[in-house]
Amino acid sequence: MSKQFTFGGEMKGNLKKLDLYVPVVERVHGGHHPEFHEVRRLYDEVARKIREGRPELNEEFARLREVTGNYTVPGDVCESYEVVYSMLAEIDKAYSE
């Protein structure tokens, strides 16, 4: 019960923000950081599953950790990119707990 409550709280707080930030970060940084296109695809899948009430997300979070180097922010990106990785890491942690 605690796991679902924590994850639900993290996701509700971050989902709307991520819906705004992820497409912008992809547009701005996707050319120099093509891995972000995969981050966008994985985020869209996570968001879809949560909205459909089927949050079996182990594979998506494992792949996000792999693609992002455990959410390591590149040195040449804007704050929005950093915020996206931070929020994704938070919901990954909440889901895993």
N, C-alpha and C. Protein backbone atom coordinates (compact mmCIF):
# COMPACT_ATOMS: atom_id res chain seq x y z
N MET A 1 0.82 -1.20 0.00
CA MET A 1 0.00 0.00 0.00
C MET A 1 0.86 1.26 0.00
N SER A 2 1.90 1.26 0.79
CA SER A 2 2.79 2.41 0.82
C SER A 2 3.44 2.64 -0.53
N LYS A 3 3.84 1.55 -1.21
CA LYS A 3 4.48 1.68 -2.52
C LYS A 3 3.55 2.39 -3.50
N GLN A 4 2.31 1.95 -3.58
CA GLN A 4 1.37 2.55 -4.51
C GLN A 4 1.09 4.01 -4.17
N PHE A 5 0.96 4.32 -2.88
CA PHE A 5 0.69 5.69 -2.48
C PHE A 5 1.85 6.60 -2.88
N THR A 6 3.08 6.17 -2.57
CA THR A 6 4.25 6.97 -2.91
C THR A 6 4.36 7.15 -4.40
N PHE A 7 4.25 6.06 -5.15
CA PHE A 7 4.36 6.13 -6.59
C PHE A 7 3.26 7.00 -7.17
N GLY A 8 2.04 6.82 -6.69
CA GLY A 8 0.92 7.63 -7.17
C GLY A 8 1.14 9.10 -6.92
N GLY A 9 1.67 9.44 -5.76
CA GLY A 9 1.95 10.84 -5.43
C GLY A 9 3.02 11.43 -6.33
N GLU A 10 4.10 10.69 -6.52
CA GLU A 10 5.17 11.15 -7.40
C GLU A 10 4.66 11.33 -8.83
N MET A 11 3.90 10.36 -9.29
CA MET A 11 3.45 10.40 -10.68
C MET A 11 2.48 11.54 -10.91
N LYS A 12 1.52 11.72 -10.01
CA LYS A 12 0.56 12.81 -10.18
C LYS A 12 1.26 14.16 -10.23
N GLY A 13 2.26 14.32 -9.37
CA GLY A 13 2.97 15.59 -9.32
C GLY A 13 3.83 15.84 -10.54
N ASN A 14 4.31 14.77 -11.16
CA ASN A 14 5.26 14.91 -12.25
C ASN A 14 4.68 14.71 -13.64
N LEU A 15 3.60 13.96 -13.77
CA LEU A 15 3.07 13.61 -15.09
C LEU A 15 2.72 14.84 -15.93
N LYS A 16 2.01 15.79 -15.35
CA LYS A 16 1.62 16.98 -16.11
C LYS A 16 2.83 17.80 -16.51
N LYS A 17 3.80 17.91 -15.62
CA LYS A 17 5.01 18.66 -15.94
C LYS A 17 5.79 17.95 -17.04
N LEU A 18 5.92 16.64 -16.92
CA LEU A 18 6.66 15.88 -17.93
C LEU A 18 5.97 15.96 -19.28
N ASP A 19 4.65 15.95 -19.29
CA ASP A 19 3.92 16.08 -20.55
C ASP A 19 4.29 17.38 -21.28
N LEU A 20 4.61 18.41 -20.51
CA LEU A 20 5.01 19.69 -21.09
C LEU A 20 6.50 19.72 -21.47
N TYR A 21 7.34 19.24 -20.57
CA TYR A 21 8.78 19.35 -20.75
C TYR A 21 9.35 18.38 -21.78
N VAL A 22 8.91 17.14 -21.78
CA VAL A 22 9.54 16.12 -22.62
C VAL A 22 9.51 16.49 -24.11
N PRO A 23 8.38 16.90 -24.67
CA PRO A 23 8.39 17.27 -26.10
C PRO A 23 9.30 18.46 -26.41
N VAL A 24 9.36 19.42 -25.51
CA VAL A 24 10.20 20.60 -25.73
C VAL A 24 11.68 20.21 -25.69
N VAL A 25 12.05 19.42 -24.68
CA VAL A 25 13.44 18.98 -24.57
C VAL A 25 13.83 18.14 -25.78
N GLU A 26 12.92 17.30 -26.24
CA GLU A 26 13.22 16.50 -27.43
C GLU A 26 13.45 17.40 -28.64
N ARG A 27 12.61 18.40 -28.81
CA ARG A 27 12.75 19.30 -29.95
C ARG A 27 14.06 20.09 -29.89
N VAL A 28 14.40 20.58 -28.70
CA VAL A 28 15.58 21.44 -28.54
C VAL A 28 16.88 20.63 -28.56
N HIS A 29 16.89 19.48 -27.91
CA HIS A 29 18.15 18.74 -27.73
C HIS A 29 18.25 17.44 -28.50
N GLY A 30 17.17 17.01 -29.13
CA GLY A 30 17.18 15.72 -29.83
C GLY A 30 18.23 15.61 -30.91
N GLY A 31 18.57 16.71 -31.56
CA GLY A 31 19.57 16.68 -32.62
C GLY A 31 20.96 16.34 -32.11
N HIS A 32 21.31 16.89 -30.94
CA HIS A 32 22.63 16.65 -30.36
C HIS A 32 22.63 15.48 -29.38
N HIS A 33 21.47 15.10 -28.92
CA HIS A 33 21.33 13.99 -27.98
C HIS A 33 20.23 13.06 -28.48
N PRO A 34 20.55 12.26 -29.51
CA PRO A 34 19.53 11.40 -30.12
C PRO A 34 18.95 10.37 -29.16
N GLU A 35 19.65 10.08 -28.08
CA GLU A 35 19.11 9.14 -27.08
C GLU A 35 17.82 9.69 -26.47
N PHE A 36 17.63 11.01 -26.52
CA PHE A 36 16.43 11.58 -25.92
C PHE A 36 15.17 11.17 -26.69
N HIS A 37 15.30 10.82 -27.96
CA HIS A 37 14.14 10.33 -28.69
C HIS A 37 13.63 9.04 -28.06
N GLU A 38 14.54 8.19 -27.61
CA GLU A 38 14.16 6.96 -26.92
C GLU A 38 13.57 7.28 -25.55
N VAL A 39 14.13 8.27 -24.87
CA VAL A 39 13.56 8.71 -23.58
C VAL A 39 12.12 9.14 -23.80
N ARG A 40 11.86 9.89 -24.85
CA ARG A 40 10.50 10.35 -25.15
C ARG A 40 9.57 9.18 -25.40
N ARG A 41 10.02 8.21 -26.19
CA ARG A 41 9.19 7.05 -26.49
C ARG A 41 8.87 6.27 -25.21
N LEU A 42 9.87 6.08 -24.37
CA LEU A 42 9.67 5.34 -23.12
C LEU A 42 8.76 6.11 -22.17
N TYR A 43 8.96 7.41 -22.07
CA TYR A 43 8.09 8.21 -21.21
C TYR A 43 6.64 8.12 -21.69
N ASP A 44 6.43 8.23 -22.99
CA ASP A 44 5.07 8.15 -23.52
C ASP A 44 4.43 6.82 -23.16
N GLU A 45 5.20 5.75 -23.20
CA GLU A 45 4.68 4.42 -22.85
C GLU A 45 4.34 4.34 -21.36
N VAL A 46 5.22 4.86 -20.51
CA VAL A 46 4.97 4.89 -19.06
C VAL A 46 3.70 5.68 -18.78
N ALA A 47 3.58 6.86 -19.37
CA ALA A 47 2.40 7.71 -19.14
C ALA A 47 1.13 7.03 -19.62
N ARG A 48 1.19 6.38 -20.77
CA ARG A 48 0.01 5.68 -21.31
C ARG A 48 -0.42 4.57 -20.36
N LYS A 49 0.52 3.77 -19.90
CA LYS A 49 0.17 2.67 -18.99
C LYS A 49 -0.42 3.18 -17.69
N ILE A 50 0.12 4.26 -17.18
CA ILE A 50 -0.42 4.81 -15.93
C ILE A 50 -1.83 5.32 -16.14
N ARG A 51 -2.06 6.00 -17.23
CA ARG A 51 -3.40 6.53 -17.51
C ARG A 51 -4.42 5.41 -17.73
N GLU A 52 -3.95 4.28 -18.25
CA GLU A 52 -4.84 3.14 -18.47
C GLU A 52 -4.97 2.26 -17.24
N GLY A 53 -4.23 2.61 -16.17
CA GLY A 53 -4.34 1.86 -14.93
C GLY A 53 -3.61 0.53 -14.93
N ARG A 54 -2.60 0.41 -15.78
CA ARG A 54 -1.83 -0.83 -15.83
C ARG A 54 -0.35 -0.53 -15.62
N PRO A 55 0.02 -0.11 -14.42
CA PRO A 55 1.40 0.33 -14.23
C PRO A 55 2.41 -0.80 -13.97
N GLU A 56 2.56 -1.71 -14.93
CA GLU A 56 3.64 -2.69 -14.90
C GLU A 56 4.76 -2.07 -15.72
N LEU A 57 5.72 -1.46 -15.03
CA LEU A 57 6.68 -0.58 -15.70
C LEU A 57 8.13 -1.00 -15.52
N ASN A 58 8.38 -2.21 -15.07
CA ASN A 58 9.76 -2.63 -14.81
C ASN A 58 10.64 -2.52 -16.05
N GLU A 59 10.14 -2.98 -17.18
CA GLU A 59 10.93 -2.94 -18.42
C GLU A 59 11.22 -1.51 -18.86
N GLU A 60 10.22 -0.65 -18.78
CA GLU A 60 10.40 0.73 -19.23
C GLU A 60 11.42 1.46 -18.36
N PHE A 61 11.32 1.29 -17.04
CA PHE A 61 12.28 1.97 -16.17
C PHE A 61 13.68 1.39 -16.32
N ALA A 62 13.80 0.08 -16.51
CA ALA A 62 15.12 -0.52 -16.74
C ALA A 62 15.75 0.07 -18.00
N ARG A 63 14.95 0.20 -19.05
CA ARG A 63 15.46 0.76 -20.31
C ARG A 63 15.79 2.25 -20.15
N LEU A 64 14.96 2.99 -19.42
CA LEU A 64 15.27 4.41 -19.17
C LEU A 64 16.59 4.55 -18.43
N ARG A 65 16.83 3.72 -17.42
CA ARG A 65 18.10 3.77 -16.70
C ARG A 65 19.27 3.49 -17.63
N GLU A 66 19.08 2.54 -18.53
CA GLU A 66 20.13 2.18 -19.48
C GLU A 66 20.40 3.32 -20.46
N VAL A 67 19.35 3.85 -21.06
CA VAL A 67 19.48 4.90 -22.08
C VAL A 67 20.07 6.18 -21.50
N THR A 68 19.70 6.50 -20.27
CA THR A 68 20.12 7.77 -19.66
C THR A 68 21.38 7.64 -18.82
N GLY A 69 21.95 6.45 -18.73
CA GLY A 69 23.11 6.28 -17.84
C GLY A 69 22.73 6.55 -16.40
N ASN A 70 21.62 5.95 -15.98
CA ASN A 70 21.06 6.17 -14.64
C ASN A 70 20.74 7.64 -14.40
N TYR A 71 20.12 8.25 -15.40
CA TYR A 71 19.64 9.62 -15.34
C TYR A 71 20.77 10.64 -15.16
N THR A 72 21.89 10.37 -15.81
CA THR A 72 23.02 11.29 -15.80
C THR A 72 22.77 12.40 -16.81
N VAL A 73 22.79 13.62 -16.35
CA VAL A 73 22.48 14.77 -17.20
C VAL A 73 23.74 15.17 -17.99
N PRO A 74 23.64 15.26 -19.31
CA PRO A 74 24.78 15.73 -20.10
C PRO A 74 25.17 17.15 -19.69
N GLY A 75 26.42 17.50 -19.90
CA GLY A 75 26.91 18.80 -19.47
C GLY A 75 26.50 19.97 -20.34
N ASP A 76 25.97 19.70 -21.53
CA ASP A 76 25.68 20.78 -22.47
C ASP A 76 24.19 21.00 -22.71
N VAL A 77 23.39 20.77 -21.70
CA VAL A 77 21.94 20.89 -21.88
C VAL A 77 21.35 21.93 -20.93
N CYS A 78 20.09 22.27 -21.19
CA CYS A 78 19.41 23.29 -20.40
C CYS A 78 18.82 22.69 -19.10
N GLU A 79 18.31 23.59 -18.28
CA GLU A 79 17.71 23.16 -17.01
C GLU A 79 16.50 22.26 -17.22
N SER A 80 15.76 22.47 -18.29
CA SER A 80 14.58 21.65 -18.55
C SER A 80 14.96 20.19 -18.75
N TYR A 81 16.06 19.95 -19.44
CA TYR A 81 16.56 18.59 -19.64
C TYR A 81 16.86 17.96 -18.28
N GLU A 82 17.54 18.73 -17.44
CA GLU A 82 17.89 18.26 -16.09
C GLU A 82 16.63 17.98 -15.28
N VAL A 83 15.63 18.83 -15.39
CA VAL A 83 14.37 18.64 -14.66
C VAL A 83 13.68 17.35 -15.11
N VAL A 84 13.68 17.08 -16.41
CA VAL A 84 13.06 15.86 -16.93
C VAL A 84 13.75 14.64 -16.33
N TYR A 85 15.07 14.59 -16.36
CA TYR A 85 15.78 13.44 -15.81
C TYR A 85 15.54 13.32 -14.31
N SER A 86 15.49 14.44 -13.62
CA SER A 86 15.24 14.42 -12.18
C SER A 86 13.85 13.85 -11.86
N MET A 87 12.84 14.30 -12.59
CA MET A 87 11.48 13.80 -12.36
C MET A 87 11.37 12.32 -12.74
N LEU A 88 11.99 11.92 -13.84
CA LEU A 88 11.96 10.51 -14.22
C LEU A 88 12.64 9.65 -13.16
N ALA A 89 13.75 10.13 -12.64
CA ALA A 89 14.45 9.38 -11.58
C ALA A 89 13.58 9.27 -10.33
N GLU A 90 12.87 10.33 -10.00
CA GLU A 90 11.99 10.31 -8.83
C GLU A 90 10.87 9.28 -8.99
N ILE A 91 10.23 9.26 -10.14
CA ILE A 91 9.14 8.31 -10.30
C ILE A 91 9.66 6.88 -10.43
N ASP A 92 10.85 6.72 -11.01
CA ASP A 92 11.48 5.39 -11.07
C ASP A 92 11.73 4.89 -9.66
N LYS A 93 12.32 5.74 -8.83
CA LYS A 93 12.62 5.36 -7.43
C LYS A 93 11.33 5.03 -6.68
N ALA A 94 10.32 5.87 -6.83
CA ALA A 94 9.05 5.63 -6.14
C ALA A 94 8.41 4.33 -6.60
N TYR A 95 8.51 4.03 -7.88
CA TYR A 95 7.95 2.80 -8.41
C TYR A 95 8.69 1.57 -7.87
N SER A 96 10.00 1.71 -7.74
CA SER A 96 10.85 0.59 -7.31
C SER A 96 10.75 0.30 -5.82
N GLU A 97 10.32 1.27 -5.05
CA GLU A 97 10.27 1.09 -3.58
C GLU A 97 9.10 0.25 -3.15
